[in-house]
N, C-alpha and C. Protein backbone atom coordinates (compact mmCIF):
# COMPACT_ATOMS: atom_id res chain seq x y z
N MET A 1 -65.33 -125.92 -23.53
CA MET A 1 -64.07 -125.35 -23.18
C MET A 1 -63.97 -123.96 -23.82
N ASN A 2 -63.72 -122.99 -22.98
CA ASN A 2 -63.65 -121.61 -23.45
C ASN A 2 -62.19 -121.18 -23.49
N THR A 3 -61.69 -120.96 -24.66
CA THR A 3 -60.32 -120.48 -24.78
C THR A 3 -60.36 -119.06 -25.31
N SER A 4 -59.60 -118.24 -24.67
CA SER A 4 -59.53 -116.87 -25.15
C SER A 4 -58.10 -116.54 -25.51
N ILE A 5 -57.98 -115.77 -26.49
CA ILE A 5 -56.65 -115.36 -26.94
C ILE A 5 -56.46 -113.91 -26.51
N GLN A 6 -55.40 -113.70 -25.78
CA GLN A 6 -55.10 -112.34 -25.38
C GLN A 6 -54.28 -111.69 -26.48
N THR A 7 -54.66 -110.51 -26.81
CA THR A 7 -53.90 -109.79 -27.83
C THR A 7 -53.15 -108.66 -27.16
N LEU A 8 -51.97 -108.44 -27.63
CA LEU A 8 -51.17 -107.36 -27.10
C LEU A 8 -51.44 -106.11 -27.93
N HIS A 9 -51.64 -105.04 -27.24
CA HIS A 9 -51.89 -103.77 -27.92
C HIS A 9 -50.73 -102.84 -27.66
N ALA A 10 -50.44 -102.03 -28.62
CA ALA A 10 -49.41 -101.01 -28.43
C ALA A 10 -49.92 -100.00 -27.41
N PRO A 11 -49.02 -99.43 -26.61
CA PRO A 11 -49.46 -98.45 -25.62
C PRO A 11 -50.11 -97.24 -26.31
N SER A 12 -51.13 -96.75 -25.68
CA SER A 12 -51.82 -95.59 -26.23
C SER A 12 -50.95 -94.34 -26.05
N ALA A 13 -51.36 -93.27 -26.66
CA ALA A 13 -50.62 -92.01 -26.54
C ALA A 13 -50.61 -91.55 -25.08
N LEU A 14 -51.71 -91.74 -24.38
CA LEU A 14 -51.78 -91.35 -22.97
C LEU A 14 -50.80 -92.17 -22.14
N GLN A 15 -50.74 -93.48 -22.38
CA GLN A 15 -49.81 -94.33 -21.64
C GLN A 15 -48.36 -93.93 -21.92
N ARG A 16 -48.04 -93.65 -23.18
CA ARG A 16 -46.68 -93.22 -23.51
C ARG A 16 -46.35 -91.91 -22.81
N PHE A 17 -47.33 -90.99 -22.76
CA PHE A 17 -47.13 -89.72 -22.08
C PHE A 17 -46.87 -89.93 -20.59
N VAL A 18 -47.67 -90.80 -19.97
CA VAL A 18 -47.51 -91.07 -18.53
C VAL A 18 -46.15 -91.71 -18.27
N PHE A 19 -45.77 -92.70 -19.09
CA PHE A 19 -44.47 -93.35 -18.91
C PHE A 19 -43.33 -92.34 -19.07
N ALA A 20 -43.42 -91.48 -20.07
CA ALA A 20 -42.37 -90.48 -20.29
C ALA A 20 -42.31 -89.48 -19.14
N THR A 21 -43.47 -89.10 -18.62
CA THR A 21 -43.51 -88.16 -17.49
C THR A 21 -42.90 -88.79 -16.25
N VAL A 22 -43.23 -90.03 -15.98
CA VAL A 22 -42.66 -90.72 -14.82
C VAL A 22 -41.14 -90.85 -14.97
N ALA A 23 -40.69 -91.19 -16.16
CA ALA A 23 -39.24 -91.32 -16.40
C ALA A 23 -38.55 -89.97 -16.20
N ALA A 24 -39.15 -88.91 -16.68
CA ALA A 24 -38.56 -87.57 -16.52
C ALA A 24 -38.50 -87.18 -15.04
N LEU A 25 -39.55 -87.50 -14.29
CA LEU A 25 -39.56 -87.19 -12.86
C LEU A 25 -38.48 -87.99 -12.12
N ARG A 26 -38.32 -89.25 -12.48
CA ARG A 26 -37.28 -90.07 -11.85
C ARG A 26 -35.89 -89.52 -12.16
N ASN A 27 -35.67 -89.14 -13.42
CA ASN A 27 -34.37 -88.57 -13.79
C ASN A 27 -34.11 -87.26 -13.05
N THR A 28 -35.13 -86.44 -12.92
CA THR A 28 -34.99 -85.17 -12.20
C THR A 28 -34.68 -85.42 -10.73
N ALA A 29 -35.37 -86.36 -10.12
CA ALA A 29 -35.13 -86.68 -8.71
C ALA A 29 -33.72 -87.23 -8.52
N ALA A 30 -33.27 -88.08 -9.42
CA ALA A 30 -31.92 -88.64 -9.31
C ALA A 30 -30.87 -87.54 -9.46
N ALA A 31 -31.08 -86.62 -10.39
CA ALA A 31 -30.14 -85.51 -10.59
C ALA A 31 -30.11 -84.61 -9.36
N TRP A 32 -31.26 -84.38 -8.77
CA TRP A 32 -31.35 -83.54 -7.56
C TRP A 32 -30.59 -84.20 -6.41
N GLN A 33 -30.75 -85.51 -6.26
CA GLN A 33 -30.04 -86.23 -5.20
C GLN A 33 -28.53 -86.19 -5.42
N ARG A 34 -28.09 -86.39 -6.67
CA ARG A 34 -26.65 -86.30 -6.95
C ARG A 34 -26.12 -84.91 -6.64
N SER A 35 -26.90 -83.88 -6.98
CA SER A 35 -26.50 -82.50 -6.71
C SER A 35 -26.40 -82.25 -5.21
N ARG A 36 -27.34 -82.76 -4.45
CA ARG A 36 -27.30 -82.60 -2.99
C ARG A 36 -26.07 -83.27 -2.39
N ARG A 37 -25.77 -84.48 -2.86
CA ARG A 37 -24.59 -85.19 -2.36
C ARG A 37 -23.31 -84.44 -2.71
N ARG A 38 -23.25 -83.91 -3.93
CA ARG A 38 -22.08 -83.17 -4.36
C ARG A 38 -21.89 -81.91 -3.51
N ARG A 39 -22.98 -81.17 -3.28
CA ARG A 39 -22.89 -79.96 -2.46
C ARG A 39 -22.51 -80.28 -1.02
N ALA A 40 -23.05 -81.38 -0.48
CA ALA A 40 -22.72 -81.77 0.91
C ALA A 40 -21.24 -82.14 1.02
N ALA A 41 -20.73 -82.88 0.04
CA ALA A 41 -19.30 -83.25 0.07
C ALA A 41 -18.43 -82.01 -0.03
N LEU A 42 -18.82 -81.08 -0.89
CA LEU A 42 -18.05 -79.84 -1.04
C LEU A 42 -18.07 -79.03 0.25
N ARG A 43 -19.22 -78.94 0.90
CA ARG A 43 -19.31 -78.21 2.17
C ARG A 43 -18.40 -78.83 3.23
N GLU A 44 -18.39 -80.15 3.30
CA GLU A 44 -17.54 -80.82 4.29
C GLU A 44 -16.07 -80.55 4.04
N LEU A 45 -15.66 -80.62 2.77
CA LEU A 45 -14.26 -80.35 2.47
C LEU A 45 -13.91 -78.88 2.67
N GLU A 46 -14.82 -77.99 2.34
CA GLU A 46 -14.57 -76.56 2.55
C GLU A 46 -14.45 -76.22 4.03
N ALA A 47 -15.04 -77.03 4.90
CA ALA A 47 -14.98 -76.79 6.34
C ALA A 47 -13.59 -77.12 6.92
N LEU A 48 -12.80 -77.91 6.18
CA LEU A 48 -11.47 -78.25 6.65
C LEU A 48 -10.55 -77.03 6.56
N ASP A 49 -9.62 -76.94 7.50
CA ASP A 49 -8.70 -75.80 7.42
C ASP A 49 -7.59 -76.11 6.40
N ASP A 50 -6.84 -75.08 6.04
CA ASP A 50 -5.83 -75.20 5.00
C ASP A 50 -4.74 -76.20 5.34
N HIS A 51 -4.41 -76.33 6.62
CA HIS A 51 -3.37 -77.28 7.02
C HIS A 51 -3.82 -78.72 6.76
N VAL A 52 -5.05 -79.03 7.06
CA VAL A 52 -5.56 -80.38 6.82
C VAL A 52 -5.60 -80.64 5.31
N LEU A 53 -6.07 -79.66 4.55
CA LEU A 53 -6.11 -79.84 3.10
C LEU A 53 -4.69 -80.07 2.55
N LYS A 54 -3.74 -79.34 3.06
CA LYS A 54 -2.35 -79.52 2.62
C LYS A 54 -1.86 -80.92 2.96
N ASP A 55 -2.24 -81.41 4.15
CA ASP A 55 -1.84 -82.76 4.56
C ASP A 55 -2.35 -83.82 3.60
N ILE A 56 -3.54 -83.63 3.06
CA ILE A 56 -4.08 -84.62 2.13
C ILE A 56 -3.74 -84.28 0.68
N GLY A 57 -2.97 -83.22 0.48
CA GLY A 57 -2.48 -82.90 -0.86
C GLY A 57 -3.46 -82.21 -1.76
N VAL A 58 -4.33 -81.39 -1.17
CA VAL A 58 -5.36 -80.70 -1.95
C VAL A 58 -5.32 -79.22 -1.64
N ARG A 59 -5.41 -78.42 -2.68
CA ARG A 59 -5.54 -76.97 -2.48
C ARG A 59 -7.01 -76.63 -2.44
N ARG A 60 -7.34 -75.58 -1.73
CA ARG A 60 -8.74 -75.16 -1.61
C ARG A 60 -9.37 -74.90 -2.98
N SER A 61 -8.60 -74.35 -3.90
CA SER A 61 -9.12 -74.05 -5.23
C SER A 61 -9.45 -75.31 -6.04
N GLU A 62 -8.93 -76.46 -5.61
CA GLU A 62 -9.17 -77.71 -6.32
C GLU A 62 -10.40 -78.47 -5.82
N LEU A 63 -10.99 -77.99 -4.74
CA LEU A 63 -12.10 -78.74 -4.13
C LEU A 63 -13.27 -79.00 -5.08
N PRO A 64 -13.77 -78.00 -5.82
CA PRO A 64 -14.91 -78.30 -6.70
C PRO A 64 -14.60 -79.38 -7.74
N SER A 65 -13.42 -79.32 -8.35
CA SER A 65 -13.09 -80.34 -9.36
C SER A 65 -12.87 -81.69 -8.71
N LEU A 66 -12.29 -81.72 -7.53
CA LEU A 66 -12.08 -82.98 -6.83
C LEU A 66 -13.41 -83.64 -6.49
N VAL A 67 -14.35 -82.86 -5.98
CA VAL A 67 -15.67 -83.40 -5.66
C VAL A 67 -16.36 -83.90 -6.92
N ALA A 68 -16.25 -83.15 -8.01
CA ALA A 68 -16.86 -83.59 -9.28
C ALA A 68 -16.29 -84.93 -9.71
N GLU A 69 -14.99 -85.11 -9.54
CA GLU A 69 -14.39 -86.40 -9.88
C GLU A 69 -14.88 -87.51 -8.96
N LEU A 70 -14.97 -87.21 -7.68
CA LEU A 70 -15.37 -88.24 -6.71
C LEU A 70 -16.78 -88.73 -6.92
N VAL A 71 -17.67 -87.84 -7.37
CA VAL A 71 -19.06 -88.26 -7.57
C VAL A 71 -19.33 -88.72 -9.00
N GLY A 72 -18.27 -88.71 -9.83
CA GLY A 72 -18.43 -89.22 -11.19
C GLY A 72 -18.92 -88.21 -12.20
N ALA A 73 -18.93 -86.93 -11.84
CA ALA A 73 -19.40 -85.90 -12.76
C ALA A 73 -18.29 -85.42 -13.68
N ALA A 74 -17.07 -85.86 -13.43
CA ALA A 74 -15.92 -85.49 -14.25
C ALA A 74 -14.96 -86.68 -14.29
N PRO A 75 -14.14 -86.76 -15.32
CA PRO A 75 -13.16 -87.85 -15.36
C PRO A 75 -12.23 -87.79 -14.16
N ALA A 76 -11.84 -88.92 -13.68
CA ALA A 76 -11.03 -89.01 -12.45
C ALA A 76 -9.56 -88.79 -12.74
N THR A 77 -9.21 -87.71 -13.38
CA THR A 77 -7.82 -87.46 -13.73
C THR A 77 -6.98 -87.15 -12.50
N ARG A 78 -7.47 -86.31 -11.61
CA ARG A 78 -6.69 -85.97 -10.41
C ARG A 78 -6.55 -87.18 -9.50
N ARG A 79 -7.63 -87.90 -9.31
CA ARG A 79 -7.59 -89.08 -8.45
C ARG A 79 -6.61 -90.12 -9.01
N ALA A 80 -6.62 -90.31 -10.31
CA ALA A 80 -5.71 -91.26 -10.94
C ALA A 80 -4.27 -90.80 -10.76
N ALA A 81 -4.02 -89.51 -10.91
CA ALA A 81 -2.66 -88.98 -10.71
C ALA A 81 -2.22 -89.16 -9.27
N MET A 82 -3.12 -88.92 -8.32
CA MET A 82 -2.78 -89.09 -6.91
C MET A 82 -2.46 -90.55 -6.62
N GLU A 83 -3.22 -91.47 -7.21
CA GLU A 83 -2.97 -92.89 -7.00
C GLU A 83 -1.63 -93.30 -7.59
N ARG A 84 -1.28 -92.76 -8.77
CA ARG A 84 0.01 -93.05 -9.37
C ARG A 84 1.14 -92.53 -8.49
N ARG A 85 0.98 -91.30 -7.97
CA ARG A 85 2.00 -90.72 -7.08
C ARG A 85 2.19 -91.59 -5.85
N THR A 86 1.09 -92.07 -5.29
CA THR A 86 1.16 -92.90 -4.08
C THR A 86 1.90 -94.20 -4.38
N ARG A 87 1.62 -94.83 -5.53
CA ARG A 87 2.28 -96.08 -5.88
C ARG A 87 3.78 -95.87 -6.09
N VAL A 88 4.15 -94.75 -6.67
CA VAL A 88 5.57 -94.47 -6.91
C VAL A 88 6.30 -94.28 -5.61
N ARG A 89 5.69 -93.65 -4.63
CA ARG A 89 6.34 -93.37 -3.34
C ARG A 89 6.55 -94.63 -2.51
N THR A 90 5.70 -95.62 -2.67
CA THR A 90 5.80 -96.81 -1.83
C THR A 90 6.69 -97.86 -2.41
């Protein structure tokens, strides 16, 4: 009967470098995708005319901060205030 014991080895410096590089590439790709989504949302809102923006209660100057809140890049202070206003009105 042949029994072998497998030993666990710590990752080599090369393996750690490869893992760190892959993680950095994934983080960069995820940040790029978030940036693309944020820019696309901003472009869509900027395409709306001022009357439509007024109807939804947003000024053109607020669009960048609103988009940042919607995608999670900033605290949702405006969105929370809008939700509170809506609850008070109903």
